[in-house]
Amino acid sequence: MRVIRVSKLFKIIIYFLTLYILGFDKIIALPGSTFIYDIIIVLLGVGLALYVNQKCLSNQYLRSQCKELSSYLGLYFIIIVIAMIYSMIAYGYSLTQLLIISRKYFFVLYAYPIVYIFSMDDDMFKFINGIYWISMVLLAIKTVTWYLYNFKGMTIFSGLLLQYSEGWTRNGLVRLDAGALFGITLCLTLYYCMVKKQLFYWIMLAFIYFYLIFVTQFRFQIIVSIVITVYCYYYASNSSKKKAIRLMIISLAIIIFILSGGLDYLLGLFSLNGVEKGSTEARLLTIEHYWSLIKRKNAILGVGFLSSYTSKAFDILRRSDTDRFWLEDLGILGGFFTFGVMALALYGKLFYASIKKVIDSCSDRMTNYESCIFVKSIVLYMIISCVLLNIFDAQRIWGVPFYLSIIFFSENASEKIVTKESTRHIRIKL
């Protein structure tokens, strides 16, 4: 009987989970409760993480790959557990209610099996390519669903279409989000377009921008995507001469953009006097609400995990009978309101460790320059997008284990270990 490799089994599991989390359950109705499925995902993640950590004890190569990941996740879970205890005491949640509220924070445990897959393949792209196409297929399905509803009056996959209710509209059209793995999808597309020079992926890039501009209509996400695109365009070549030419082209484009009134238009989109002023006003009111609450209660640990399960928590959330003060609309500020001073460690450690890891890895001669561009773009997207698209929000947290795995995975680590061991033996002989 043929035995399936553990890394292959991990791939199958994560492919199916990605399908489910990105919205496949809203295309085909699954029996049972979403909460039950999420708890199964969490328990499975715990099991896979324990397996990988057990393997690390006897595998130096795998241990070296998981070292920095474990360092961050140790701090991460201390913060999550403190927030859980604080929320239980402050709002009177039962243990079951607390697990329902906080369950998705444990999805980050899948960083361990993903790093394991990368390590066994000694390559990140083999697995990420599969994740990429799952994400692209879901975006294509969403686009068809969006078009049929808005222009033909036909409703298919209503769970996917009305994920945030019919009220989530702009310019008279119902919008759909880009999914938790959009950053990875964008960066991998740019990698194949500009670094690998594959023509097919330019079509994929055009589709991604179509989706951003027309389907999701998220202004900030469009701006971030343009920044990442410009970054990849500039660094795609290692030639100083080509970089100089590209810098001139980018500079000229920026000057034309400003002189043609583009900057004024851009600022107007977020202005209180602009067409979409309602969105900006809602965010400012939400910031004012939570900031005044934290000052009044001297809540250095933030407001914790809020939900409608208890009146104490819901009174803080409620803006009116039909609306709430959504922390998800505030990006990284929402994280600071949730975790208080602990957010400095939660985000600061992640961003610092990510930047340091990229700088150290990309300055190593054994690291491939091309894959380094991909990892740098991932770090840049993760940090910039987090301003308004908090990576730890429930709808985006599935992207976190992928971010962590891509950033902390060391390319050619086995060769580096051999080199270090050889150097150590030479020194001993000397």
Protein backbone atom coordinates (compact mmCIF):
# COMPACT_ATOMS: atom_id res chain seq x y z
CA MET A 1 0.00 0.00 0.00
CA ARG A 2 1.31 3.44 -0.97
CA VAL A 3 2.08 5.70 2.01
CA ILE A 4 1.21 9.42 1.71
CA ARG A 5 3.99 11.73 2.84
CA VAL A 6 3.13 13.88 5.84
CA SER A 7 3.91 17.10 3.93
CA LYS A 8 1.56 16.02 1.13
CA LEU A 9 -1.18 15.30 3.66
CA PHE A 10 -0.62 18.75 5.19
CA LYS A 11 -0.97 20.31 1.72
CA ILE A 12 -4.29 18.56 1.08
CA ILE A 13 -5.63 19.64 4.48
CA ILE A 14 -4.64 23.29 4.04
CA TYR A 15 -5.93 23.41 0.45
CA PHE A 16 -9.37 22.24 1.65
CA LEU A 17 -9.36 24.61 4.61
CA THR A 18 -8.43 27.51 2.32
CA LEU A 19 -11.34 26.65 0.03
CA TYR A 20 -13.69 26.62 3.01
CA ILE A 21 -12.40 29.83 4.65
CA LEU A 22 -12.32 31.85 1.43
CA GLY A 23 -16.03 31.21 0.90
CA PHE A 24 -16.65 27.80 -0.63
CA ASP A 25 -19.05 27.04 2.22
CA LYS A 26 -21.16 29.96 0.96
CA ILE A 27 -21.30 28.45 -2.52
CA ILE A 28 -22.28 24.96 -1.42
CA ALA A 29 -24.31 24.93 1.81
CA LEU A 30 -22.65 22.66 4.36
CA PRO A 31 -24.62 20.96 7.16
CA GLY A 32 -24.06 22.02 10.75
CA SER A 33 -22.82 25.15 12.50
CA THR A 34 -20.00 27.42 11.32
CA PHE A 35 -18.78 27.47 14.92
CA ILE A 36 -18.38 23.66 14.91
CA TYR A 37 -16.35 23.79 11.69
CA ASP A 38 -14.14 26.55 13.09
CA ILE A 39 -13.51 24.60 16.29
CA ILE A 40 -12.55 21.54 14.21
CA ILE A 41 -10.15 23.77 12.23
CA VAL A 42 -8.64 25.06 15.50
CA LEU A 43 -8.25 21.57 17.01
CA LEU A 44 -6.72 20.29 13.77
CA GLY A 45 -4.33 23.26 13.77
CA VAL A 46 -3.28 22.47 17.35
CA GLY A 47 -2.64 18.84 16.37
CA LEU A 48 -0.56 19.75 13.31
CA ALA A 49 1.41 22.39 15.24
CA LEU A 50 2.21 19.87 18.00
CA TYR A 51 3.36 17.34 15.39
CA VAL A 52 5.71 19.85 13.75
CA ASN A 53 7.11 20.98 17.11
CA GLN A 54 7.73 17.34 18.05
CA LYS A 55 9.61 16.84 14.77
CA CYS A 56 11.69 19.94 15.53
CA LEU A 57 13.24 18.12 18.51
CA SER A 58 15.01 15.62 16.24
CA ASN A 59 15.37 17.66 13.03
CA GLN A 60 17.89 20.50 13.16
CA TYR A 61 16.91 21.83 9.76
CA LEU A 62 13.21 22.05 10.69
CA ARG A 63 14.09 23.47 14.10
CA SER A 64 16.06 26.28 12.50
CA GLN A 65 13.10 27.08 10.24
CA CYS A 66 10.65 27.25 13.17
CA LYS A 67 12.88 29.10 15.64
CA GLU A 68 11.87 32.69 14.85
CA LEU A 69 8.27 31.67 14.18
CA SER A 70 8.03 30.08 17.63
CA SER A 71 9.57 33.16 19.21
CA TYR A 72 6.83 35.38 17.81
CA LEU A 73 3.94 32.96 18.38
CA GLY A 74 4.98 32.49 22.02
CA LEU A 75 4.45 36.23 22.58
CA TYR A 76 1.32 36.23 20.41
CA PHE A 77 -0.47 33.58 22.46
CA ILE A 78 0.48 35.19 25.77
CA ILE A 79 -1.28 38.35 24.53
CA ILE A 80 -4.33 36.42 23.27
CA VAL A 81 -4.71 34.49 26.54
CA ILE A 82 -4.42 37.69 28.61
CA ALA A 83 -7.08 39.34 26.40
CA MET A 84 -9.33 36.28 26.79
CA ILE A 85 -9.05 36.29 30.59
CA TYR A 86 -9.58 40.05 30.73
CA SER A 87 -12.67 39.82 28.48
CA MET A 88 -14.17 36.97 30.51
CA ILE A 89 -13.82 38.96 33.73
CA ALA A 90 -14.92 42.31 32.24
CA TYR A 91 -17.98 41.11 30.31
CA GLY A 92 -19.03 37.92 32.07
CA TYR A 93 -18.60 35.60 29.09
CA SER A 94 -19.01 31.89 29.61
CA LEU A 95 -16.14 29.68 28.46
CA THR A 96 -18.13 28.59 25.39
CA GLN A 97 -18.91 32.20 24.45
CA LEU A 98 -15.25 33.14 24.87
CA LEU A 99 -14.15 30.29 22.60
CA ILE A 100 -16.66 31.34 19.94
CA ILE A 101 -15.42 34.95 20.05
CA SER A 102 -11.68 34.20 20.04
CA ARG A 103 -11.49 30.97 18.03
CA LYS A 104 -10.06 32.46 14.83
CA TYR A 105 -7.02 33.86 16.63
CA PHE A 106 -5.83 30.26 16.84
CA PHE A 107 -5.76 29.90 13.04
CA VAL A 108 -2.20 31.26 13.13
CA LEU A 109 -1.07 27.82 14.37
CA TYR A 110 -1.23 26.71 10.73
CA ALA A 111 2.03 28.61 10.22
CA TYR A 112 3.76 25.48 11.61
CA PRO A 113 2.47 22.96 9.04
CA ILE A 114 3.01 25.52 6.26
CA VAL A 115 6.66 25.99 7.31
CA TYR A 116 6.91 22.20 7.48
CA ILE A 117 5.67 21.96 3.88
CA PHE A 118 8.13 24.64 2.75
CA SER A 119 10.95 22.84 4.55
CA MET A 120 10.19 19.41 3.10
CA ASP A 121 9.93 20.92 -0.39
CA ASP A 122 12.89 23.23 0.33
CA ASP A 123 10.85 25.74 -1.63
CA MET A 124 7.88 27.98 -0.83
CA PHE A 125 6.51 28.46 -4.35
CA LYS A 126 5.40 24.88 -5.03
CA PHE A 127 2.77 25.05 -2.30
CA ILE A 128 1.93 28.75 -2.56
CA ASN A 129 1.12 28.32 -6.26
CA GLY A 130 -1.71 25.95 -5.32
CA ILE A 131 -3.05 28.42 -2.75
CA TYR A 132 -2.79 31.16 -5.38
CA TRP A 133 -5.07 29.35 -7.82
CA ILE A 134 -7.64 28.56 -5.13
CA SER A 135 -7.77 32.29 -4.32
CA MET A 136 -8.00 33.27 -8.00
CA VAL A 137 -10.84 30.83 -8.70
CA LEU A 138 -12.81 32.23 -5.75
CA LEU A 139 -12.20 35.79 -7.03
CA ALA A 140 -13.47 34.73 -10.47
CA ILE A 141 -16.61 33.18 -8.95
CA LYS A 142 -17.20 36.34 -6.92
CA THR A 143 -16.82 38.47 -10.04
CA VAL A 144 -19.41 36.46 -11.95
CA THR A 145 -21.75 36.58 -8.93
CA TRP A 146 -21.25 40.37 -8.61
CA TYR A 147 -21.91 40.97 -12.32
CA LEU A 148 -25.07 38.84 -12.50
CA TYR A 149 -26.57 40.49 -9.41
CA ASN A 150 -25.72 44.12 -10.20
CA PHE A 151 -26.33 44.12 -13.97
CA LYS A 152 -28.67 41.20 -14.71
CA GLY A 153 -30.74 41.09 -11.54
CA MET A 154 -29.83 37.44 -10.99
CA THR A 155 -28.85 36.09 -7.58
CA ILE A 156 -26.51 33.10 -7.38
CA PHE A 157 -24.49 32.09 -4.33
CA SER A 158 -26.39 34.55 -2.13
CA GLY A 159 -24.25 33.65 0.90
CA LEU A 160 -21.15 34.77 -0.97
CA LEU A 161 -22.83 37.81 -2.52
CA LEU A 162 -24.46 39.18 0.63
CA GLN A 163 -21.71 38.22 3.07
CA TYR A 164 -21.86 41.72 4.57
CA SER A 165 -25.57 42.27 3.79
CA GLU A 166 -27.13 44.27 0.95
CA GLY A 167 -26.09 47.47 2.70
CA TRP A 168 -22.43 47.02 1.73
CA THR A 169 -22.59 49.09 -1.45
CA ARG A 170 -20.75 51.86 -3.26
CA ASN A 171 -21.78 53.76 -6.38
CA GLY A 172 -25.09 51.89 -6.32
CA LEU A 173 -23.44 48.46 -6.57
CA VAL A 174 -23.20 45.66 -4.02
CA ARG A 175 -19.55 44.99 -3.21
CA LEU A 176 -17.65 41.80 -2.41
CA ASP A 177 -14.40 41.62 -0.46
CA ALA A 178 -11.10 40.40 -1.87
CA GLY A 179 -10.54 37.65 0.69
CA ALA A 180 -7.95 36.93 3.37
CA LEU A 181 -5.24 35.91 0.91
CA PHE A 182 -5.46 38.87 -1.44
CA GLY A 183 -2.04 40.22 -0.43
CA ILE A 184 -0.35 36.93 -1.24
CA THR A 185 -2.30 36.65 -4.51
CA LEU A 186 -1.25 40.16 -5.58
CA CYS A 187 2.42 39.74 -4.61
CA LEU A 188 2.75 36.36 -6.34
CA THR A 189 1.13 37.76 -9.49
CA LEU A 190 3.59 40.69 -9.48
CA TYR A 191 6.47 38.27 -8.90
CA TYR A 192 5.58 36.24 -12.00
CA CYS A 193 4.84 39.37 -14.04
CA MET A 194 7.86 41.50 -13.28
CA VAL A 195 10.51 39.15 -11.98
CA LYS A 196 9.84 35.97 -13.94
CA LYS A 197 8.53 37.91 -17.02
CA GLN A 198 5.61 35.53 -17.63
CA LEU A 199 3.11 37.17 -19.98
CA PHE A 200 0.12 35.13 -18.77
CA TYR A 201 0.30 36.71 -15.31
CA TRP A 202 -0.17 40.19 -16.79
CA ILE A 203 -3.68 39.02 -17.65
CA MET A 204 -4.08 37.90 -14.02
CA LEU A 205 -2.82 41.29 -12.84
CA ALA A 206 -5.34 43.09 -15.06
CA PHE A 207 -8.10 40.91 -13.60
CA ILE A 208 -6.95 41.68 -10.03
CA TYR A 209 -7.10 45.44 -10.69
CA PHE A 210 -10.51 45.05 -12.33
CA TYR A 211 -11.70 43.27 -9.19
CA LEU A 212 -10.26 45.96 -6.93
CA ILE A 213 -11.68 48.91 -8.88
CA PHE A 214 -15.13 47.57 -9.72
CA VAL A 215 -16.03 44.62 -7.48
CA THR A 216 -14.62 45.47 -4.08
CA GLN A 217 -14.18 49.25 -4.61
CA PHE A 218 -11.97 49.52 -1.52
CA ARG A 219 -10.06 52.76 -2.07
CA PHE A 220 -7.30 52.11 0.43
CA GLN A 221 -6.67 48.59 -0.88
CA ILE A 222 -6.34 49.98 -4.41
CA ILE A 223 -3.75 52.52 -3.20
CA VAL A 224 -1.77 49.85 -1.33
CA SER A 225 -1.84 47.59 -4.40
CA ILE A 226 -0.49 50.39 -6.59
CA VAL A 227 2.34 51.03 -4.09
CA ILE A 228 3.28 47.32 -4.09
CA THR A 229 3.11 47.21 -7.90
CA VAL A 230 5.44 50.21 -8.19
CA TYR A 231 7.80 48.67 -5.64
CA CYS A 232 8.01 45.36 -7.54
CA TYR A 233 8.46 47.18 -10.84
CA TYR A 234 11.43 49.12 -9.46
CA TYR A 235 13.17 46.18 -7.74
CA ALA A 236 12.38 43.54 -10.38
CA SER A 237 15.81 44.02 -11.91
CA ASN A 238 19.11 43.78 -10.05
CA SER A 239 20.75 46.07 -12.61
CA SER A 240 21.61 49.56 -11.30
CA LYS A 241 21.17 51.02 -14.78
CA LYS A 242 17.65 49.57 -15.19
CA LYS A 243 16.72 50.72 -11.69
CA ALA A 244 17.82 54.27 -12.52
CA ILE A 245 15.64 54.29 -15.66
CA ARG A 246 12.69 52.85 -13.77
CA LEU A 247 13.10 55.42 -11.01
CA MET A 248 12.92 58.17 -13.61
CA ILE A 249 9.75 56.66 -15.10
CA ILE A 250 8.16 56.34 -11.64
CA SER A 251 9.14 59.91 -10.73
CA LEU A 252 7.73 61.26 -14.00
CA ALA A 253 4.48 59.35 -13.44
CA ILE A 254 4.15 60.78 -9.92
CA ILE A 255 4.75 64.35 -11.18
CA ILE A 256 2.14 63.95 -13.93
CA PHE A 257 -0.28 62.45 -11.41
CA ILE A 258 0.11 65.41 -9.03
CA LEU A 259 -0.01 68.09 -11.74
CA SER A 260 -3.12 66.58 -13.32
CA GLY A 261 -5.00 66.86 -10.02
CA GLY A 262 -4.69 63.21 -9.08
CA LEU A 263 -3.42 63.94 -5.58
CA ASP A 264 -6.29 66.34 -4.88
CA TYR A 265 -8.75 63.73 -6.11
CA LEU A 266 -7.12 61.09 -3.91
CA LEU A 267 -7.27 63.26 -0.80
CA GLY A 268 -10.87 64.14 -1.65
CA LEU A 269 -11.84 60.48 -1.46
CA PHE A 270 -11.04 60.49 2.26
CA SER A 271 -12.18 64.05 2.96
CA LEU A 272 -15.16 64.94 5.16
CA ASN A 273 -16.36 67.05 2.24
CA GLY A 274 -15.91 64.32 -0.36
CA VAL A 275 -18.45 62.11 -2.10
CA GLU A 276 -17.74 59.23 0.31
CA LYS A 277 -17.64 61.41 3.42
CA GLY A 278 -20.06 59.07 5.22
CA SER A 279 -17.40 56.35 5.37
CA THR A 280 -14.80 58.75 6.80
CA GLU A 281 -17.29 60.21 9.30
CA ALA A 282 -18.23 56.72 10.54
CA ARG A 283 -14.58 55.85 11.16
CA LEU A 284 -13.91 59.12 13.00
CA LEU A 285 -16.97 58.57 15.20
CA THR A 286 -15.81 55.04 15.97
CA ILE A 287 -12.32 56.26 16.89
CA GLU A 288 -13.78 58.94 19.14
CA HIS A 289 -16.11 56.41 20.80
CA TYR A 290 -13.41 53.86 21.70
CA TRP A 291 -10.74 56.43 22.58
CA SER A 292 -13.07 58.22 25.03
CA LEU A 293 -14.02 54.83 26.51
CA ILE A 294 -10.39 53.83 27.06
CA LYS A 295 -9.55 57.21 28.63
CA ARG A 296 -12.60 57.11 30.88
CA LYS A 297 -11.94 53.58 32.12
CA ASN A 298 -8.13 53.88 32.02
CA ALA A 299 -8.20 50.62 30.06
CA ILE A 300 -4.49 50.05 29.43
CA LEU A 301 -5.28 46.52 28.22
CA GLY A 302 -7.83 47.86 25.73
CA VAL A 303 -11.49 46.93 25.55
CA GLY A 304 -10.81 43.23 24.97
CA PHE A 305 -12.99 40.98 22.83
CA LEU A 306 -16.44 42.48 22.25
CA SER A 307 -19.58 40.67 21.14
CA SER A 308 -23.35 40.72 21.56
CA TYR A 309 -23.35 37.76 23.97
CA THR A 310 -23.62 39.93 27.07
CA SER A 311 -25.24 43.33 27.60
CA LYS A 312 -22.01 44.76 29.08
CA ALA A 313 -20.09 44.08 25.87
CA PHE A 314 -22.94 44.90 23.50
CA ASP A 315 -23.55 48.30 25.10
CA ILE A 316 -20.00 49.24 24.08
CA LEU A 317 -20.48 47.92 20.53
CA ARG A 318 -23.93 49.41 19.89
CA ARG A 319 -24.09 52.64 17.93
CA SER A 320 -27.84 52.52 17.29
CA ASP A 321 -30.58 49.90 17.12
CA THR A 322 -29.42 48.89 13.65
CA ASP A 323 -25.70 49.71 13.65
CA ARG A 324 -22.53 49.13 15.63
CA PHE A 325 -19.17 50.77 16.24
CA TRP A 326 -17.14 48.38 14.08
CA LEU A 327 -13.54 47.93 15.26
CA GLU A 328 -12.87 46.16 11.95
CA ASP A 329 -13.25 49.52 10.15
CA LEU A 330 -10.28 51.00 12.00
CA GLY A 331 -7.47 48.75 10.83
CA ILE A 332 -4.49 48.66 13.17
CA LEU A 333 -6.18 51.21 15.45
CA GLY A 334 -8.86 48.61 16.06
CA GLY A 335 -6.11 46.28 17.24
CA PHE A 336 -4.82 48.93 19.65
CA PHE A 337 -8.33 49.52 21.01
CA THR A 338 -8.76 45.74 21.47
CA PHE A 339 -5.39 44.91 23.07
CA GLY A 340 -4.31 48.27 24.52
CA VAL A 341 -0.58 48.51 25.28
CA MET A 342 -0.19 44.82 24.38
CA ALA A 343 -0.74 45.82 20.74
CA LEU A 344 2.71 47.45 20.79
CA ALA A 345 4.18 43.98 21.26
CA LEU A 346 1.66 42.21 19.00
CA TYR A 347 2.30 44.42 15.97
CA GLY A 348 5.70 45.86 16.88
CA LYS A 349 7.36 42.48 17.33
CA LEU A 350 5.83 41.17 14.09
CA PHE A 351 6.80 44.16 11.98
CA TYR A 352 10.29 44.47 13.50
CA ALA A 353 11.03 40.73 13.21
CA SER A 354 9.71 40.68 9.62
CA ILE A 355 11.81 43.64 8.50
CA LYS A 356 14.91 42.29 10.28
CA LYS A 357 14.42 38.83 8.80
CA VAL A 358 14.08 40.22 5.27
CA ILE A 359 17.15 42.44 5.63
CA ASP A 360 19.25 39.59 7.06
CA SER A 361 18.05 37.05 4.50
CA CYS A 362 18.39 39.29 1.47
CA SER A 363 21.90 40.38 2.45
CA ASP A 364 22.93 36.70 2.54
CA ARG A 365 24.68 35.66 -0.68
CA MET A 366 22.97 32.26 -0.54
CA THR A 367 19.51 33.85 -0.80
CA ASN A 368 17.99 34.09 -4.27
CA TYR A 369 17.47 37.74 -5.28
CA GLU A 370 14.26 36.99 -7.19
CA SER A 371 12.47 35.20 -4.33
CA CYS A 372 13.71 37.95 -2.04
CA ILE A 373 11.64 40.47 -4.04
CA PHE A 374 8.54 38.35 -3.41
CA VAL A 375 9.17 38.15 0.35
CA LYS A 376 9.89 41.90 0.56
CA SER A 377 6.62 42.67 -1.24
CA ILE A 378 4.75 40.41 1.20
CA VAL A 379 6.23 42.25 4.19
CA LEU A 380 5.49 45.63 2.62
CA TYR A 381 1.88 44.69 1.83
CA MET A 382 1.31 43.21 5.28
CA ILE A 383 2.57 46.34 7.07
CA ILE A 384 1.02 49.02 4.86
CA SER A 385 -2.36 47.30 4.41
CA CYS A 386 -2.63 46.80 8.17
CA VAL A 387 -3.21 50.55 8.56
CA LEU A 388 -6.88 50.09 7.53
CA LEU A 389 -7.07 46.32 6.91
CA ASN A 390 -6.08 44.79 10.23
CA ILE A 391 -4.50 41.40 9.51
CA PHE A 392 -5.82 39.99 12.81
CA ASP A 393 -9.47 40.76 12.01
CA ALA A 394 -11.65 37.66 11.65
CA GLN A 395 -12.11 38.05 7.87
CA ARG A 396 -8.36 38.40 7.22
CA ILE A 397 -6.63 36.30 9.88
CA TRP A 398 -6.32 33.22 7.61
CA GLY A 399 -3.66 35.20 5.76
CA VAL A 400 -1.50 35.52 8.91
CA PRO A 401 -0.10 31.93 8.98
CA PHE A 402 0.89 32.37 5.33
CA TYR A 403 2.55 35.73 6.01
CA LEU A 404 4.46 34.28 8.95
CA SER A 405 5.54 31.17 7.03
CA ILE A 406 6.73 33.08 3.97
CA ILE A 407 8.62 35.65 6.05
CA PHE A 408 10.28 33.28 8.52
CA PHE A 409 11.10 30.50 6.06
CA SER A 410 14.82 30.55 5.25
CA GLU A 411 15.73 29.66 1.71
CA ASN A 412 18.62 27.18 1.36
CA ALA A 413 18.70 26.77 5.15
CA SER A 414 20.05 23.22 4.86
CA GLU A 415 23.11 24.48 2.97
CA LYS A 416 23.57 27.26 5.53
CA ILE A 417 23.51 24.74 8.38
CA VAL A 418 26.09 22.58 6.59
CA THR A 419 28.25 25.67 5.99
CA LYS A 420 28.06 26.67 9.65
CA GLU A 421 28.88 23.13 10.81
CA SER A 422 31.83 22.94 8.39
CA THR A 423 33.13 26.29 9.62
CA ARG A 424 32.80 25.15 13.23
CA HIS A 425 34.78 21.95 12.54
CA ILE A 426 37.49 23.91 10.73
CA ARG A 427 37.82 26.28 13.69
CA ILE A 428 38.08 23.30 16.08
CA LYS A 429 40.89 21.79 13.95
CA LEU A 430 42.71 25.10 13.85
